[in-house]
Amino acid sequence: PSFDLCILGIGSDGHTASIFPHELDKLI
């Protein structure tokens, strides 16, 4: 699926979209 716009925040640990640094494998 392709959104027209995806708005994200960023946490002080560099996480975004509820993907946290300890779970980088979920990014792919």
PDB file of all heavy atoms in Angstrom:
ATOM      1  N   PRO A   1       0.834  -1.201   0.000  1.00  0.00           N
ATOM      2  CA  PRO A   1       0.000   0.000   0.000  1.00  0.00           C
ATOM      3  C   PRO A   1       0.872   1.256   0.000  1.00  0.00           C
ATOM      4  O   PRO A   1       1.981   1.244   0.544  1.00  0.00           O
ATOM      5  CB  PRO A   1      -0.790  -0.118   1.310  1.00  0.00           C
ATOM      6  CG  PRO A   1      -0.774  -1.581   1.629  1.00  0.00           C
ATOM      7  CD  PRO A   1       0.563  -2.074   1.136  1.00  0.00           C
ATOM      8  N   SER A   2       0.373   2.313  -0.612  1.00  0.00           N
ATOM      9  CA  SER A   2       1.139   3.559  -0.683  1.00  0.00           C
ATOM     10  C   SER A   2       0.287   4.715  -0.167  1.00  0.00           C
ATOM     11  O   SER A   2      -0.691   5.107  -0.790  1.00  0.00           O
ATOM     12  CB  SER A   2       1.576   3.841  -2.122  1.00  0.00           C
ATOM     13  OG  SER A   2       2.300   5.042  -2.189  1.00  0.00           O
ATOM     14  N   PHE A   3       0.674   5.241   0.991  1.00  0.00           N
ATOM     15  CA  PHE A   3      -0.013   6.412   1.544  1.00  0.00           C
ATOM     16  C   PHE A   3       0.375   7.662   0.767  1.00  0.00           C
ATOM     17  O   PHE A   3       1.505   7.773   0.282  1.00  0.00           O
ATOM     18  CB  PHE A   3       0.384   6.640   3.008  1.00  0.00           C
ATOM     19  CG  PHE A   3      -0.080   5.577   3.956  1.00  0.00           C
ATOM     20  CD1 PHE A   3       0.839   4.799   4.637  1.00  0.00           C
ATOM     21  CD2 PHE A   3      -1.425   5.365   4.185  1.00  0.00           C
ATOM     22  CE1 PHE A   3       0.429   3.828   5.535  1.00  0.00           C
ATOM     23  CE2 PHE A   3      -1.851   4.394   5.074  1.00  0.00           C
ATOM     24  CZ  PHE A   3      -0.916   3.628   5.757  1.00  0.00           C
ATOM     25  N   ASP A   4      -0.527   8.621   0.697  1.00  0.00           N
ATOM     26  CA  ASP A   4      -0.171   9.922   0.147  1.00  0.00           C
ATOM     27  C   ASP A   4       0.813  10.616   1.083  1.00  0.00           C
ATOM     28  O   ASP A   4       1.767  11.241   0.635  1.00  0.00           O
ATOM     29  CB  ASP A   4      -1.409  10.803  -0.027  1.00  0.00           C
ATOM     30  CG  ASP A   4      -2.346  10.301  -1.104  1.00  0.00           C
ATOM     31  OD1 ASP A   4      -1.873   9.639  -2.053  1.00  0.00           O
ATOM     32  OD2 ASP A   4      -3.555  10.570  -1.008  1.00  0.00           O
ATOM     33  N   LEU A   5       0.553  10.505   2.392  1.00  0.00           N
ATOM     34  CA  LEU A   5       1.388  11.170   3.386  1.00  0.00           C
ATOM     35  C   LEU A   5       1.470  10.305   4.629  1.00  0.00           C
ATOM     36  O   LEU A   5       0.468   9.791   5.112  1.00  0.00           O
ATOM     37  CB  LEU A   5       0.773  12.530   3.763  1.00  0.00           C
ATOM     38  CG  LEU A   5       1.453  13.328   4.869  1.00  0.00           C
ATOM     39  CD1 LEU A   5       2.871  13.730   4.463  1.00  0.00           C
ATOM     40  CD2 LEU A   5       0.624  14.562   5.213  1.00  0.00           C
ATOM     41  N   CYS A   6       2.668  10.143   5.153  1.00  0.00           N
ATOM     42  CA  CYS A   6       2.904   9.435   6.408  1.00  0.00           C
ATOM     43  C   CYS A   6       3.590  10.421   7.351  1.00  0.00           C
ATOM     44  O   CYS A   6       4.670  10.925   7.036  1.00  0.00           O
ATOM     45  CB  CYS A   6       3.775   8.202   6.169  1.00  0.00           C
ATOM     46  SG  CYS A   6       4.002   7.181   7.628  1.00  0.00           S
ATOM     47  N   ILE A   7       2.955  10.734   8.465  1.00  0.00           N
ATOM     48  CA  ILE A   7       3.505  11.672   9.444  1.00  0.00           C
ATOM     49  C   ILE A   7       4.014  10.878  10.639  1.00  0.00           C
ATOM     50  O   ILE A   7       3.274  10.112  11.249  1.00  0.00           O
ATOM     51  CB  ILE A   7       2.440  12.687   9.901  1.00  0.00           C
ATOM     52  CG1 ILE A   7       1.882  13.451   8.700  1.00  0.00           C
ATOM     53  CG2 ILE A   7       3.035  13.646  10.933  1.00  0.00           C
ATOM     54  CD1 ILE A   7       0.693  14.330   9.029  1.00  0.00           C
ATOM     55  N   LEU A   8       5.278  11.074  10.953  1.00  0.00           N
ATOM     56  CA  LEU A   8       5.935  10.340  12.038  1.00  0.00           C
ATOM     57  C   LEU A   8       6.485  11.294  13.083  1.00  0.00           C
ATOM     58  O   LEU A   8       6.808  12.444  12.775  1.00  0.00           O
ATOM     59  CB  LEU A   8       7.109   9.523  11.480  1.00  0.00           C
ATOM     60  CG  LEU A   8       6.812   8.525  10.370  1.00  0.00           C
ATOM     61  CD1 LEU A   8       8.111   8.002   9.778  1.00  0.00           C
ATOM     62  CD2 LEU A   8       5.954   7.395  10.897  1.00  0.00           C
ATOM     63  N   GLY A   9       6.661  10.791  14.270  1.00  0.00           N
ATOM     64  CA  GLY A   9       7.408  11.487  15.302  1.00  0.00           C
ATOM     65  C   GLY A   9       8.740  10.781  15.466  1.00  0.00           C
ATOM     66  O   GLY A   9       9.035   9.793  14.787  1.00  0.00           O
ATOM     67  N   ILE A  10       9.539  11.302  16.367  1.00  0.00           N
ATOM     68  CA  ILE A  10      10.822  10.674  16.695  1.00  0.00           C
ATOM     69  C   ILE A  10      11.004  10.762  18.202  1.00  0.00           C
ATOM     70  O   ILE A  10      10.716  11.795  18.808  1.00  0.00           O
ATOM     71  CB  ILE A  10      12.000  11.334  15.937  1.00  0.00           C
ATOM     72  CG1 ILE A  10      13.322  10.644  16.274  1.00  0.00           C
ATOM     73  CG2 ILE A  10      12.060  12.824  16.192  1.00  0.00           C
ATOM     74  CD1 ILE A  10      14.505  11.110  15.437  1.00  0.00           C
ATOM     75  N   GLY A  11      11.462   9.665  18.808  1.00  0.00           N
ATOM     76  CA  GLY A  11      11.712   9.653  20.235  1.00  0.00           C
ATOM     77  C   GLY A  11      13.137  10.056  20.549  1.00  0.00           C
ATOM     78  O   GLY A  11      14.010  10.084  19.670  1.00  0.00           O
ATOM     79  N   SER A  12      13.399  10.344  21.803  1.00  0.00           N
ATOM     80  CA  SER A  12      14.747  10.757  22.208  1.00  0.00           C
ATOM     81  C   SER A  12      15.760   9.625  22.074  1.00  0.00           C
ATOM     82  O   SER A  12      16.964   9.859  22.147  1.00  0.00           O
ATOM     83  CB  SER A  12      14.738  11.291  23.646  1.00  0.00           C
ATOM     84  OG  SER A  12      14.239  10.302  24.522  1.00  0.00           O
ATOM     85  N   ASP A  13      15.287   8.400  21.837  1.00  0.00           N
ATOM     86  CA  ASP A  13      16.172   7.263  21.583  1.00  0.00           C
ATOM     87  C   ASP A  13      16.307   6.968  20.093  1.00  0.00           C
ATOM     88  O   ASP A  13      16.938   5.996  19.697  1.00  0.00           O
ATOM     89  CB  ASP A  13      15.674   6.016  22.315  1.00  0.00           C
ATOM     90  CG  ASP A  13      14.284   5.576  21.860  1.00  0.00           C
ATOM     91  OD1 ASP A  13      13.641   6.290  21.056  1.00  0.00           O
ATOM     92  OD2 ASP A  13      13.828   4.507  22.322  1.00  0.00           O
ATOM     93  N   GLY A  14      15.704   7.820  19.249  1.00  0.00           N
ATOM     94  CA  GLY A  14      15.783   7.637  17.799  1.00  0.00           C
ATOM     95  C   GLY A  14      14.720   6.720  17.240  1.00  0.00           C
ATOM     96  O   GLY A  14      14.722   6.425  16.053  1.00  0.00           O
ATOM     97  N   HIS A  15      13.769   6.275  18.083  1.00  0.00           N
ATOM     98  CA  HIS A  15      12.711   5.406  17.562  1.00  0.00           C
ATOM     99  C   HIS A  15      11.708   6.236  16.764  1.00  0.00           C
ATOM    100  O   HIS A  15      11.592   7.441  16.934  1.00  0.00           O
ATOM    101  CB  HIS A  15      12.028   4.617  18.684  1.00  0.00           C
ATOM    102  CG  HIS A  15      10.899   5.322  19.358  1.00  0.00           C
ATOM    103  ND1 HIS A  15      11.070   6.106  20.471  1.00  0.00           N
ATOM    104  CD2 HIS A  15       9.571   5.336  19.077  1.00  0.00           C
ATOM    105  CE1 HIS A  15       9.895   6.586  20.856  1.00  0.00           C
ATOM    106  NE2 HIS A  15       8.966   6.145  20.021  1.00  0.00           N
ATOM    107  N   THR A  16      11.021   5.559  15.882  1.00  0.00           N
ATOM    108  CA  THR A  16       9.926   6.165  15.136  1.00  0.00           C
ATOM    109  C   THR A  16       8.923   5.073  14.831  1.00  0.00           C
ATOM    110  O   THR A  16       9.285   3.899  14.713  1.00  0.00           O
ATOM    111  CB  THR A  16      10.420   6.872  13.860  1.00  0.00           C
ATOM    112  OG1 THR A  16       9.356   7.672  13.338  1.00  0.00           O
ATOM    113  CG2 THR A  16      10.916   5.902  12.806  1.00  0.00           C
ATOM    114  N   ALA A  17       7.669   5.448  14.717  1.00  0.00           N
ATOM    115  CA  ALA A  17       6.600   4.512  14.350  1.00  0.00           C
ATOM    116  C   ALA A  17       6.593   3.259  15.223  1.00  0.00           C
ATOM    117  O   ALA A  17       6.340   2.175  14.738  1.00  0.00           O
ATOM    118  CB  ALA A  17       6.722   4.135  12.869  1.00  0.00           C
ATOM    119  N   SER A  18       6.912   3.398  16.488  1.00  0.00           N
ATOM    120  CA  SER A  18       6.964   2.266  17.430  1.00  0.00           C
ATOM    121  C   SER A  18       7.951   1.186  17.023  1.00  0.00           C
ATOM    122  O   SER A  18       7.813   0.014  17.372  1.00  0.00           O
ATOM    123  CB  SER A  18       5.569   1.670  17.668  1.00  0.00           C
ATOM    124  OG  SER A  18       4.763   2.617  18.344  1.00  0.00           O
ATOM    125  N   ILE A  19       8.963   1.566  16.268  1.00  0.00           N
ATOM    126  CA  ILE A  19      10.106   0.699  15.989  1.00  0.00           C
ATOM    127  C   ILE A  19      11.255   1.263  16.819  1.00  0.00           C
ATOM    128  O   ILE A  19      11.687   2.398  16.604  1.00  0.00           O
ATOM    129  CB  ILE A  19      10.488   0.682  14.497  1.00  0.00           C
ATOM    130  CG1 ILE A  19       9.323   0.203  13.638  1.00  0.00           C
ATOM    131  CG2 ILE A  19      11.723  -0.171  14.279  1.00  0.00           C
ATOM    132  CD1 ILE A  19       8.963  -1.258  13.761  1.00  0.00           C
ATOM    133  N   PHE A  20      11.735   0.476  17.768  1.00  0.00           N
ATOM    134  CA  PHE A  20      12.749   0.927  18.706  1.00  0.00           C
ATOM    135  C   PHE A  20      14.131   0.410  18.310  1.00  0.00           C
ATOM    136  O   PHE A  20      14.241  -0.567  17.565  1.00  0.00           O
ATOM    137  CB  PHE A  20      12.369   0.462  20.123  1.00  0.00           C
ATOM    138  CG  PHE A  20      11.112   1.111  20.614  1.00  0.00           C
ATOM    139  CD1 PHE A  20       9.873   0.530  20.355  1.00  0.00           C
ATOM    140  CD2 PHE A  20      11.154   2.316  21.289  1.00  0.00           C
ATOM    141  CE1 PHE A  20       8.696   1.138  20.784  1.00  0.00           C
ATOM    142  CE2 PHE A  20       9.991   2.930  21.719  1.00  0.00           C
ATOM    143  CZ  PHE A  20       8.761   2.340  21.468  1.00  0.00           C
ATOM    144  N   PRO A  21      15.196   1.072  18.770  1.00  0.00           N
ATOM    145  CA  PRO A  21      16.549   0.669  18.366  1.00  0.00           C
ATOM    146  C   PRO A  21      16.866  -0.811  18.565  1.00  0.00           C
ATOM    147  O   PRO A  21      17.591  -1.390  17.760  1.00  0.00           O
ATOM    148  CB  PRO A  21      17.450   1.555  19.227  1.00  0.00           C
ATOM    149  CG  PRO A  21      16.648   2.793  19.440  1.00  0.00           C
ATOM    150  CD  PRO A  21      15.231   2.295  19.599  1.00  0.00           C
ATOM    151  N   HIS A  22      16.313  -1.446  19.598  1.00  0.00           N
ATOM    152  CA  HIS A  22      16.605  -2.866  19.836  1.00  0.00           C
ATOM    153  C   HIS A  22      15.869  -3.786  18.853  1.00  0.00           C
ATOM    154  O   HIS A  22      16.068  -4.998  18.902  1.00  0.00           O
ATOM    155  CB  HIS A  22      16.280  -3.245  21.285  1.00  0.00           C
ATOM    156  CG  HIS A  22      14.818  -3.321  21.602  1.00  0.00           C
ATOM    157  ND1 HIS A  22      14.049  -2.197  21.818  1.00  0.00           N
ATOM    158  CD2 HIS A  22      13.989  -4.385  21.709  1.00  0.00           C
ATOM    159  CE1 HIS A  22      12.805  -2.574  22.057  1.00  0.00           C
ATOM    160  NE2 HIS A  22      12.741  -3.899  22.003  1.00  0.00           N
ATOM    161  N   GLU A  23      15.054  -3.219  17.967  1.00  0.00           N
ATOM    162  CA  GLU A  23      14.266  -4.027  17.031  1.00  0.00           C
ATOM    163  C   GLU A  23      14.490  -3.623  15.579  1.00  0.00           C
ATOM    164  O   GLU A  23      13.566  -3.647  14.771  1.00  0.00           O
ATOM    165  CB  GLU A  23      12.779  -3.909  17.360  1.00  0.00           C
ATOM    166  CG  GLU A  23      12.424  -4.402  18.730  1.00  0.00           C
ATOM    167  CD  GLU A  23      10.953  -4.280  19.033  1.00  0.00           C
ATOM    168  OE1 GLU A  23      10.401  -3.170  18.917  1.00  0.00           O
ATOM    169  OE2 GLU A  23      10.356  -5.302  19.379  1.00  0.00           O
ATOM    170  N   LEU A  24      15.708  -3.263  15.263  1.00  0.00           N
ATOM    171  CA  LEU A  24      15.985  -2.812  13.893  1.00  0.00           C
ATOM    172  C   LEU A  24      15.614  -3.854  12.847  1.00  0.00           C
ATOM    173  O   LEU A  24      15.309  -3.504  11.713  1.00  0.00           O
ATOM    174  CB  LEU A  24      17.453  -2.421  13.744  1.00  0.00           C
ATOM    175  CG  LEU A  24      17.816  -1.053  14.298  1.00  0.00           C
ATOM    176  CD1 LEU A  24      19.325  -0.839  14.244  1.00  0.00           C
ATOM    177  CD2 LEU A  24      17.105   0.057  13.565  1.00  0.00           C
ATOM    178  N   ASP A  25      15.594  -5.133  13.212  1.00  0.00           N
ATOM    179  CA  ASP A  25      15.221  -6.169  12.244  1.00  0.00           C
ATOM    180  C   ASP A  25      13.801  -5.983  11.739  1.00  0.00           C
ATOM    181  O   ASP A  25      13.469  -6.380  10.626  1.00  0.00           O
ATOM    182  CB  ASP A  25      15.383  -7.567  12.847  1.00  0.00           C
ATOM    183  CG  ASP A  25      14.494  -7.801  14.063  1.00  0.00           C
ATOM    184  OD1 ASP A  25      14.411  -6.914  14.930  1.00  0.00           O
ATOM    185  OD2 ASP A  25      13.881  -8.879  14.127  1.00  0.00           O
ATOM    186  N   LYS A  26      12.943  -5.348  12.536  1.00  0.00           N
ATOM    187  CA  LYS A  26      11.559  -5.120  12.107  1.00  0.00           C
ATOM    188  C   LYS A  26      11.464  -4.031  11.044  1.00  0.00           C
ATOM    189  O   LYS A  26      10.437  -3.877  10.409  1.00  0.00           O
ATOM    190  CB  LYS A  26      10.688  -4.780  13.301  1.00  0.00           C
ATOM    191  CG  LYS A  26      10.496  -5.980  14.195  1.00  0.00           C
ATOM    192  CD  LYS A  26       9.495  -5.736  15.265  1.00  0.00           C
ATOM    193  CE  LYS A  26       9.310  -7.037  16.047  1.00  0.00           C
ATOM    194  NZ  LYS A  26       8.506  -6.876  17.211  1.00  0.00           N
ATOM    195  N   LEU A  27      12.521  -3.316  10.858  1.00  0.00           N
ATOM    196  CA  LEU A  27      12.511  -2.266   9.836  1.00  0.00           C
ATOM    197  C   LEU A  27      12.449  -2.843   8.428  1.00  0.00           C
ATOM    198  O   LEU A  27      11.988  -2.190   7.516  1.00  0.00           O
ATOM    199  CB  LEU A  27      13.767  -1.397   9.955  1.00  0.00           C
ATOM    200  CG  LEU A  27      13.839  -0.512  11.179  1.00  0.00           C
ATOM    201  CD1 LEU A  27      15.205   0.128  11.258  1.00  0.00           C
ATOM    202  CD2 LEU A  27      12.762   0.542  11.140  1.00  0.00           C
ATOM    203  N   ILE A  28      12.943  -4.039   8.250  1.00  0.00           N
ATOM    204  CA  ILE A  28      13.057  -4.565   6.896  1.00  0.00           C
ATOM    205  C   ILE A  28      11.971  -5.581   6.548  1.00  0.00           C
ATOM    206  O   ILE A  28      12.036  -6.218   5.517  1.00  0.00           O
ATOM    207  CB  ILE A  28      14.446  -5.199   6.669  1.00  0.00           C
ATOM    208  CG1 ILE A  28      14.696  -6.324   7.673  1.00  0.00           C
ATOM    209  CG2 ILE A  28      15.532  -4.139   6.751  1.00  0.00           C
ATOM    210  CD1 ILE A  28      15.938  -7.140   7.390  1.00  0.00           C
TER     211      ILE A  28
END
